[in-house]
Amino acid sequence: MRKRAVVCFMGLCLSVSAVQAADIEAGKTRAQACVGCHGTDGRAANPEWPNLAGQNATYIINQLKAFKSGNRKNELMSPMAQSLSDVDVENVAGYFSSLSSCK
């Protein structure tokens, strides 16, 4: 139990530092390409697509990098991720993680 708490705390710290390093406004601007599927507020209308509002920034960064590198494949997401620079990835992740996941 203690080990899990430490791992969770470390994950939270990584997420917070990723958000602090992100330019939220730049992320919001760059995320306009995402709203068609993930919604203007980060909450997708279609249950096939994930909600990104309030998602852990480190998780979003890792997934976008996996789509970008080809380690994770999706016909919609792979080309979208490939168009993002590393800074864009951090900013978009920071933006979505800053949104409330509550309606």
Protein backbone atom coordinates (compact mmCIF):
# COMPACT_ATOMS: atom_id res chain seq x y z
CA MET A 1 0.00 0.00 0.00
CA ARG A 2 2.79 2.41 0.89
CA LYS A 3 4.59 1.68 -2.38
CA ARG A 4 1.43 2.45 -4.35
CA ALA A 5 0.99 5.74 -2.48
CA VAL A 6 4.56 6.75 -3.31
CA VAL A 7 4.08 5.86 -6.98
CA CYS A 8 0.82 7.84 -7.11
CA PHE A 9 2.46 10.82 -5.44
CA MET A 10 5.37 10.71 -7.91
CA GLY A 11 2.89 10.56 -10.81
CA LEU A 12 1.05 13.56 -9.43
CA CYS A 13 4.31 15.49 -9.11
CA LEU A 14 5.23 14.69 -12.72
CA SER A 15 1.80 15.78 -13.89
CA VAL A 16 1.97 19.04 -11.95
CA SER A 17 5.45 19.82 -13.28
CA ALA A 18 4.29 19.11 -16.84
CA VAL A 19 1.38 21.51 -16.39
CA GLN A 20 3.61 24.17 -14.83
CA ALA A 21 6.03 23.97 -17.77
CA ALA A 22 3.20 24.15 -20.32
CA ASP A 23 1.92 27.31 -21.97
CA ILE A 24 -1.80 26.77 -21.40
CA GLU A 25 -2.92 29.48 -23.84
CA ALA A 26 -0.67 28.10 -26.59
CA GLY A 27 -2.03 24.64 -25.80
CA LYS A 28 -5.60 25.90 -26.08
CA THR A 29 -4.84 27.41 -29.48
CA ARG A 30 -3.10 24.25 -30.74
CA ALA A 31 -5.88 22.05 -29.32
CA GLN A 32 -8.44 23.59 -31.68
CA ALA A 33 -7.58 20.75 -34.06
CA CYS A 34 -8.73 18.30 -31.35
CA VAL A 35 -12.18 19.71 -30.64
CA GLY A 36 -13.90 17.85 -33.46
CA CYS A 37 -13.47 14.58 -31.57
CA HIS A 38 -12.55 15.53 -28.01
CA GLY A 39 -14.95 18.47 -27.62
CA THR A 40 -14.43 22.18 -27.03
CA ASP A 41 -14.24 21.53 -23.29
CA GLY A 42 -12.19 18.32 -23.53
CA ARG A 43 -15.26 16.14 -23.06
CA ALA A 44 -16.09 14.10 -26.13
CA ALA A 45 -19.71 13.80 -27.26
CA ASN A 46 -19.02 10.37 -28.78
CA PRO A 47 -18.26 7.60 -26.26
CA GLU A 48 -15.81 6.09 -28.79
CA TRP A 49 -13.41 8.98 -28.14
CA PRO A 50 -11.78 9.66 -24.78
CA ASN A 51 -12.44 12.67 -22.62
CA LEU A 52 -9.23 14.65 -22.16
CA ALA A 53 -10.45 17.25 -19.66
CA GLY A 54 -8.68 16.74 -16.36
CA GLN A 55 -6.57 13.88 -17.72
CA ASN A 56 -3.07 13.50 -16.31
CA ALA A 57 -0.71 15.65 -18.45
CA THR A 58 2.06 13.05 -18.36
CA TYR A 59 -0.36 10.42 -19.66
CA ILE A 60 -1.45 12.68 -22.53
CA ILE A 61 2.18 13.47 -23.37
CA ASN A 62 3.10 9.78 -23.40
CA GLN A 63 0.14 8.86 -25.60
CA LEU A 64 0.76 11.68 -28.09
CA LYS A 65 4.42 10.70 -28.31
CA ALA A 66 3.42 7.06 -28.88
CA PHE A 67 1.07 8.08 -31.70
CA LYS A 68 3.75 10.37 -33.13
CA SER A 69 6.46 7.69 -33.10
CA GLY A 70 4.17 4.96 -34.44
CA ASN A 71 4.40 2.85 -31.28
CA ARG A 72 0.65 3.38 -30.95
CA LYS A 73 -1.41 3.42 -34.12
CA ASN A 74 -4.74 4.99 -34.92
CA GLU A 75 -5.77 6.24 -38.34
CA LEU A 76 -7.12 9.49 -36.89
CA MET A 77 -4.69 10.21 -34.07
CA SER A 78 -1.38 9.23 -35.66
CA PRO A 79 -1.40 11.99 -38.31
CA MET A 80 -2.69 14.53 -35.78
CA ALA A 81 0.13 13.73 -33.36
CA GLN A 82 2.76 13.81 -36.09
CA SER A 83 1.84 17.43 -36.80
CA LEU A 84 2.72 18.43 -33.20
CA SER A 85 6.15 19.58 -32.07
CA ASP A 86 7.43 18.44 -28.68
CA VAL A 87 6.49 21.85 -27.25
CA ASP A 88 3.01 21.56 -28.79
CA VAL A 89 2.59 18.15 -27.13
CA GLU A 90 3.45 19.59 -23.71
CA ASN A 91 1.23 22.62 -24.21
CA VAL A 92 -1.78 20.61 -25.43
CA ALA A 93 -1.36 18.15 -22.55
CA GLY A 94 -1.11 21.04 -20.09
CA TYR A 95 -4.21 22.64 -21.54
CA PHE A 96 -6.38 19.51 -21.39
CA SER A 97 -5.17 18.58 -17.93
CA SER A 98 -6.07 22.08 -16.70
CA LEU A 99 -9.73 21.65 -17.70
CA SER A 100 -12.34 20.38 -15.29
CA SER A 101 -13.52 16.85 -15.95
CA CYS A 102 -16.84 17.66 -14.26
CA LYS A 103 -19.81 18.84 -16.28
